[in-house]
Every structure is written in structure tokens, then in C-alpha cells.
Amino acid sequence: MSILEGMEKALFSFLNFLSDKIVTIKFSLVTEQSFSIVRIESEKGVKSLSSS
């Protein structure tokens, strides 16, 4: 019983660690995407300003 409980605790801590990593990876991907969108939009704005 105690061995099973230990395995369960280890599994839960591993899953928590994994979900934390996945969340940070997703967050960094989202921020990268939003930054690139902002960069593309600002480049478009600069181009439209310089063309007029």
C-alpha cells in the first residue's frame, strides 16, 4: 500500500511538473506569435507611411 501511495505521489508530482512546463512552453509560443504579429503590423504601417 505505501509503495503504491509513493508511486502515486511521484506520478502526480511528475504530471504537475509536466503541466507547468507545457504551460510555460505554450505561453512563450503565444508571446512569440503576438510579438511577430505586432512586428508585421508595424512594418505594414511603416510601409504605408513611406509610400504616401
C-alpha atoms as a PDB file:
ATOM      1  CA  MET A   1       0.000   0.000   0.000  1.00  0.00           C
ATOM      2  CA  SER A   2       2.726   2.502   0.943  1.00  0.00           C
ATOM      3  CA  ILE A   3       4.685   1.666  -2.216  1.00  0.00           C
ATOM      4  CA  LEU A   4       1.553   2.322  -4.293  1.00  0.00           C
ATOM      5  CA  GLU A   5       0.989   5.639  -2.496  1.00  0.00           C
ATOM      6  CA  GLY A   6       4.586   6.622  -3.146  1.00  0.00           C
ATOM      7  CA  MET A   7       4.242   5.810  -6.840  1.00  0.00           C
ATOM      8  CA  GLU A   8       1.007   7.787  -6.974  1.00  0.00           C
ATOM      9  CA  LYS A   9       2.659  10.821  -5.342  1.00  0.00           C
ATOM     10  CA  ALA A  10       5.611  10.571  -7.723  1.00  0.00           C
ATOM     11  CA  LEU A  11       3.258  10.354 -10.699  1.00  0.00           C
ATOM     12  CA  PHE A  12       1.262  13.372  -9.527  1.00  0.00           C
ATOM     13  CA  SER A  13       4.373  15.478  -8.947  1.00  0.00           C
ATOM     14  CA  PHE A  14       5.693  14.445 -12.370  1.00  0.00           C
ATOM     15  CA  LEU A  15       2.383  15.387 -14.016  1.00  0.00           C
ATOM     16  CA  ASN A  16       2.382  18.737 -12.193  1.00  0.00           C
ATOM     17  CA  PHE A  17       5.942  19.358 -13.375  1.00  0.00           C
ATOM     18  CA  LEU A  18       4.962  18.399 -16.920  1.00  0.00           C
ATOM     19  CA  SER A  19       1.873  20.631 -16.989  1.00  0.00           C
ATOM     20  CA  ASP A  20       3.937  23.556 -15.670  1.00  0.00           C
ATOM     21  CA  LYS A  21       6.437  23.030 -18.484  1.00  0.00           C
ATOM     22  CA  ILE A  22       3.659  22.739 -21.091  1.00  0.00           C
ATOM     23  CA  VAL A  23       2.017  25.940 -19.808  1.00  0.00           C
ATOM     24  CA  THR A  24       5.311  27.865 -19.975  1.00  0.00           C
ATOM     25  CA  ILE A  25       6.023  26.493 -23.474  1.00  0.00           C
ATOM     26  CA  LYS A  26       2.517  27.460 -24.648  1.00  0.00           C
ATOM     27  CA  PHE A  27       2.891  30.896 -23.046  1.00  0.00           C
ATOM     28  CA  SER A  28       6.248  31.534 -24.724  1.00  0.00           C
ATOM     29  CA  LEU A  29       4.835  30.395 -28.075  1.00  0.00           C
ATOM     30  CA  VAL A  30       1.826  32.690 -27.704  1.00  0.00           C
ATOM     31  CA  THR A  31       4.003  35.681 -26.757  1.00  0.00           C
ATOM     32  CA  GLU A  32       6.340  34.972 -29.684  1.00  0.00           C
ATOM     33  CA  GLN A  33       3.362  34.829 -32.070  1.00  0.00           C
ATOM     34  CA  SER A  34       1.855  38.057 -30.742  1.00  0.00           C
ATOM     35  CA  PHE A  35       5.241  39.787 -30.995  1.00  0.00           C
ATOM     36  CA  SER A  36       5.663  38.679 -34.606  1.00  0.00           C
ATOM     37  CA  ILE A  37       2.103  39.860 -35.396  1.00  0.00           C
ATOM     38  CA  VAL A  38       2.875  43.249 -33.826  1.00  0.00           C
ATOM     39  CA  ARG A  39       6.138  43.410 -35.792  1.00  0.00           C
ATOM     40  CA  ILE A  40       4.356  42.576 -39.080  1.00  0.00           C
ATOM     41  CA  GLU A  41       1.644  45.177 -38.363  1.00  0.00           C
ATOM     42  CA  SER A  42       4.201  47.879 -37.532  1.00  0.00           C
ATOM     43  CA  GLU A  43       6.152  47.052 -40.707  1.00  0.00           C
ATOM     44  CA  LYS A  44       2.927  47.406 -42.718  1.00  0.00           C
ATOM     45  CA  GLY A  45       2.273  50.751 -41.038  1.00  0.00           C
ATOM     46  CA  VAL A  46       5.786  51.980 -41.817  1.00  0.00           C
ATOM     47  CA  LYS A  47       5.448  50.868 -45.451  1.00  0.00           C
ATOM     48  CA  SER A  48       2.083  52.615 -45.872  1.00  0.00           C
ATOM     49  CA  LEU A  49       3.510  55.786 -44.299  1.00  0.00           C
ATOM     50  CA  SER A  50       6.599  55.822 -46.518  1.00  0.00           C
ATOM     51  CA  SER A  51       4.583  55.097 -49.702  1.00  0.00           C
ATOM     52  CA  SER A  52       2.241  58.067 -49.205  1.00  0.00           C
END
